[in-house]
Amino acid sequence: MPNVPMNISKVLAEQSANTQLTENAKLDPDAISKLNYEVMYKMLEGEVEKLIIENTGNPLIDDFKKRIVNKFSYLIQKLSS
């Protein structure tokens, strides 16, 4: 199951590379750049999640996970309440 996010990202990347925009779609360069950054961020997020899941028990990865959770714990609490 850990490979699911990466498979989805790969399929979406391949589909978007092969899809032509309709003639009515007019995206300015800033909108395209923003979309590219959002896709890259989600792919990076998937890779980090995959790394953490696959390397549980590794002291470096466990420390990394702990720092991430500590840094975002306040936000996580606010979102889940």
N, C-alpha and C. Protein backbone atom coordinates (compact mmCIF):
# COMPACT_ATOMS: atom_id res chain seq x y z
N MET A 1 0.80 -1.21 0.00
CA MET A 1 0.00 0.00 0.00
C MET A 1 0.84 1.28 0.00
N PRO A 2 2.09 1.30 0.53
CA PRO A 2 2.85 2.55 0.52
C PRO A 2 3.14 3.07 -0.89
N ASN A 3 3.10 2.22 -1.90
CA ASN A 3 3.39 2.66 -3.25
C ASN A 3 2.21 3.35 -3.91
N VAL A 4 1.04 3.31 -3.31
CA VAL A 4 -0.16 3.87 -3.93
C VAL A 4 -0.01 5.36 -4.23
N PRO A 5 0.48 6.22 -3.29
CA PRO A 5 0.60 7.64 -3.64
C PRO A 5 1.52 7.87 -4.83
N MET A 6 2.62 7.12 -4.92
CA MET A 6 3.53 7.31 -6.02
C MET A 6 2.94 6.80 -7.33
N ASN A 7 2.19 5.72 -7.29
CA ASN A 7 1.54 5.23 -8.50
C ASN A 7 0.53 6.25 -9.01
N ILE A 8 -0.22 6.84 -8.11
CA ILE A 8 -1.20 7.85 -8.50
C ILE A 8 -0.48 9.05 -9.10
N SER A 9 0.61 9.50 -8.45
CA SER A 9 1.37 10.64 -8.97
C SER A 9 1.93 10.35 -10.35
N LYS A 10 2.44 9.15 -10.52
CA LYS A 10 3.02 8.77 -11.82
C LYS A 10 1.95 8.76 -12.90
N VAL A 11 0.80 8.17 -12.60
CA VAL A 11 -0.29 8.12 -13.58
C VAL A 11 -0.76 9.53 -13.93
N LEU A 12 -0.92 10.38 -12.92
CA LEU A 12 -1.36 11.75 -13.18
C LEU A 12 -0.34 12.52 -14.01
N ALA A 13 0.94 12.33 -13.69
CA ALA A 13 1.99 13.02 -14.45
C ALA A 13 1.99 12.57 -15.91
N GLU A 14 1.84 11.27 -16.13
CA GLU A 14 1.81 10.75 -17.50
C GLU A 14 0.58 11.25 -18.25
N GLN A 15 -0.56 11.26 -17.58
CA GLN A 15 -1.79 11.72 -18.24
C GLN A 15 -1.71 13.20 -18.57
N SER A 16 -1.18 14.00 -17.64
CA SER A 16 -1.11 15.43 -17.90
C SER A 16 -0.09 15.75 -18.99
N ALA A 17 0.96 14.93 -19.11
CA ALA A 17 1.94 15.15 -20.17
C ALA A 17 1.35 14.84 -21.54
N ASN A 18 0.39 13.93 -21.59
CA ASN A 18 -0.20 13.52 -22.86
C ASN A 18 -1.50 14.24 -23.18
N THR A 19 -1.96 15.11 -22.30
CA THR A 19 -3.24 15.78 -22.49
C THR A 19 -3.02 17.18 -23.06
N GLN A 20 -3.72 17.47 -24.10
CA GLN A 20 -3.65 18.80 -24.70
C GLN A 20 -4.74 19.68 -24.09
N LEU A 21 -4.41 20.94 -23.87
CA LEU A 21 -5.41 21.88 -23.37
C LEU A 21 -6.41 22.18 -24.48
N THR A 22 -7.65 22.41 -24.08
CA THR A 22 -8.63 22.81 -25.08
C THR A 22 -8.30 24.23 -25.53
N GLU A 23 -8.82 24.60 -26.67
CA GLU A 23 -8.53 25.93 -27.18
C GLU A 23 -9.12 27.02 -26.30
N ASN A 24 -10.18 26.70 -25.57
CA ASN A 24 -10.83 27.69 -24.71
C ASN A 24 -10.09 27.92 -23.41
N ALA A 25 -9.20 27.02 -23.04
CA ALA A 25 -8.47 27.16 -21.78
C ALA A 25 -7.30 28.10 -21.98
N LYS A 26 -7.33 29.19 -21.26
CA LYS A 26 -6.24 30.15 -21.36
C LYS A 26 -5.67 30.36 -19.96
N LEU A 27 -4.57 29.69 -19.68
CA LEU A 27 -3.90 29.83 -18.39
C LEU A 27 -2.72 30.76 -18.56
N ASP A 28 -2.63 31.74 -17.67
CA ASP A 28 -1.48 32.62 -17.74
C ASP A 28 -0.26 31.90 -17.16
N PRO A 29 0.93 32.37 -17.46
CA PRO A 29 2.15 31.69 -16.99
C PRO A 29 2.23 31.56 -15.47
N ASP A 30 1.69 32.52 -14.73
CA ASP A 30 1.71 32.43 -13.27
C ASP A 30 0.85 31.28 -12.78
N ALA A 31 -0.31 31.08 -13.39
CA ALA A 31 -1.20 29.98 -12.99
C ALA A 31 -0.55 28.64 -13.30
N ILE A 32 0.09 28.53 -14.45
CA ILE A 32 0.77 27.28 -14.82
C ILE A 32 1.91 27.01 -13.85
N SER A 33 2.67 28.04 -13.51
CA SER A 33 3.78 27.88 -12.57
C SER A 33 3.27 27.43 -11.20
N LYS A 34 2.16 28.02 -10.74
CA LYS A 34 1.58 27.64 -9.45
C LYS A 34 1.13 26.19 -9.46
N LEU A 35 0.49 25.76 -10.54
CA LEU A 35 0.07 24.37 -10.65
C LEU A 35 1.27 23.43 -10.65
N ASN A 36 2.33 23.80 -11.34
CA ASN A 36 3.53 22.97 -11.37
C ASN A 36 4.12 22.82 -9.97
N TYR A 37 4.16 23.91 -9.20
CA TYR A 37 4.69 23.83 -7.85
C TYR A 37 3.81 22.97 -6.96
N GLU A 38 2.50 23.05 -7.13
CA GLU A 38 1.59 22.23 -6.33
C GLU A 38 1.78 20.76 -6.63
N VAL A 39 1.94 20.41 -7.89
CA VAL A 39 2.17 19.01 -8.27
C VAL A 39 3.51 18.53 -7.73
N MET A 40 4.55 19.35 -7.87
CA MET A 40 5.87 18.96 -7.35
C MET A 40 5.83 18.77 -5.84
N TYR A 41 5.11 19.66 -5.13
CA TYR A 41 5.01 19.54 -3.68
C TYR A 41 4.33 18.23 -3.29
N LYS A 42 3.24 17.89 -3.97
CA LYS A 42 2.53 16.65 -3.65
C LYS A 42 3.39 15.43 -3.94
N MET A 43 4.18 15.48 -5.00
CA MET A 43 5.07 14.36 -5.31
C MET A 43 6.16 14.24 -4.24
N LEU A 44 6.70 15.39 -3.80
CA LEU A 44 7.70 15.37 -2.73
C LEU A 44 7.10 14.84 -1.44
N GLU A 45 5.88 15.26 -1.14
CA GLU A 45 5.18 14.79 0.05
C GLU A 45 5.02 13.26 0.01
N GLY A 46 4.67 12.74 -1.15
CA GLY A 46 4.53 11.30 -1.31
C GLY A 46 5.84 10.56 -1.11
N GLU A 47 6.93 11.13 -1.62
CA GLU A 47 8.24 10.50 -1.46
C GLU A 47 8.68 10.50 0.00
N VAL A 48 8.43 11.60 0.72
CA VAL A 48 8.78 11.67 2.14
C VAL A 48 7.97 10.65 2.92
N GLU A 49 6.69 10.56 2.64
CA GLU A 49 5.83 9.57 3.31
C GLU A 49 6.33 8.16 3.04
N LYS A 50 6.67 7.89 1.80
CA LYS A 50 7.18 6.57 1.42
C LYS A 50 8.48 6.26 2.16
N LEU A 51 9.38 7.24 2.24
CA LEU A 51 10.66 7.07 2.93
C LEU A 51 10.43 6.74 4.41
N ILE A 52 9.53 7.47 5.05
CA ILE A 52 9.25 7.24 6.47
C ILE A 52 8.66 5.85 6.69
N ILE A 53 7.70 5.47 5.85
CA ILE A 53 7.05 4.16 6.02
C ILE A 53 8.03 3.03 5.77
N GLU A 54 8.83 3.13 4.72
CA GLU A 54 9.74 2.05 4.37
C GLU A 54 10.93 1.92 5.32
N ASN A 55 11.26 2.99 6.05
CA ASN A 55 12.45 2.97 6.89
C ASN A 55 12.14 3.14 8.37
N THR A 56 10.94 2.76 8.79
CA THR A 56 10.59 2.81 10.20
C THR A 56 11.56 1.93 10.98
N GLY A 57 12.07 2.46 12.07
CA GLY A 57 13.06 1.73 12.87
C GLY A 57 14.46 2.26 12.66
N ASN A 58 14.68 2.98 11.57
CA ASN A 58 15.97 3.62 11.32
C ASN A 58 16.05 4.86 12.21
N PRO A 59 17.10 4.98 13.04
CA PRO A 59 17.17 6.11 13.98
C PRO A 59 17.10 7.48 13.29
N LEU A 60 17.71 7.63 12.13
CA LEU A 60 17.66 8.92 11.43
C LEU A 60 16.25 9.24 10.97
N ILE A 61 15.57 8.26 10.43
CA ILE A 61 14.20 8.47 9.94
C ILE A 61 13.25 8.70 11.11
N ASP A 62 13.44 7.95 12.20
CA ASP A 62 12.58 8.13 13.38
C ASP A 62 12.76 9.53 13.95
N ASP A 63 14.00 10.05 13.96
CA ASP A 63 14.26 11.40 14.44
C ASP A 63 13.61 12.43 13.50
N PHE A 64 13.73 12.21 12.21
CA PHE A 64 13.11 13.09 11.22
C PHE A 64 11.60 13.14 11.42
N LYS A 65 10.99 11.97 11.57
CA LYS A 65 9.54 11.89 11.78
C LYS A 65 9.14 12.62 13.06
N LYS A 66 9.93 12.44 14.12
CA LYS A 66 9.64 13.10 15.40
C LYS A 66 9.70 14.62 15.25
N ARG A 67 10.71 15.12 14.53
CA ARG A 67 10.83 16.57 14.32
C ARG A 67 9.66 17.11 13.50
N ILE A 68 9.24 16.36 12.49
CA ILE A 68 8.10 16.80 11.66
C ILE A 68 6.83 16.86 12.51
N VAL A 69 6.59 15.81 13.29
CA VAL A 69 5.39 15.77 14.13
C VAL A 69 5.42 16.89 15.16
N ASN A 70 6.58 17.12 15.78
CA ASN A 70 6.68 18.20 16.77
C ASN A 70 6.43 19.56 16.14
N LYS A 71 6.96 19.76 14.95
CA LYS A 71 6.82 21.05 14.28
C LYS A 71 5.37 21.33 13.89
N PHE A 72 4.63 20.28 13.50
CA PHE A 72 3.27 20.47 13.02
C PHE A 72 2.20 20.00 13.99
N SER A 73 2.57 19.64 15.21
CA SER A 73 1.60 19.09 16.15
C SER A 73 0.48 20.09 16.47
N TYR A 74 0.81 21.36 16.61
CA TYR A 74 -0.21 22.36 16.90
C TYR A 74 -1.23 22.43 15.76
N LEU A 75 -0.74 22.47 14.54
CA LEU A 75 -1.62 22.53 13.38
C LEU A 75 -2.47 21.27 13.27
N ILE A 76 -1.87 20.12 13.53
CA ILE A 76 -2.60 18.85 13.47
C ILE A 76 -3.73 18.85 14.49
N GLN A 77 -3.45 19.34 15.71
CA GLN A 77 -4.48 19.39 16.75
C GLN A 77 -5.63 20.31 16.33
N LYS A 78 -5.29 21.45 15.75
CA LYS A 78 -6.33 22.40 15.32
C LYS A 78 -7.19 21.83 14.19
N LEU A 79 -6.55 21.12 13.28
CA LEU A 79 -7.30 20.56 12.15
C LEU A 79 -8.19 19.40 12.57
N SER A 80 -7.77 18.65 13.60
CA SER A 80 -8.56 17.48 14.00
C SER A 80 -9.62 17.82 15.04
N SER A 81 -9.66 19.05 15.53
CA SER A 81 -10.69 19.40 16.52
C SER A 81 -11.82 20.18 15.89
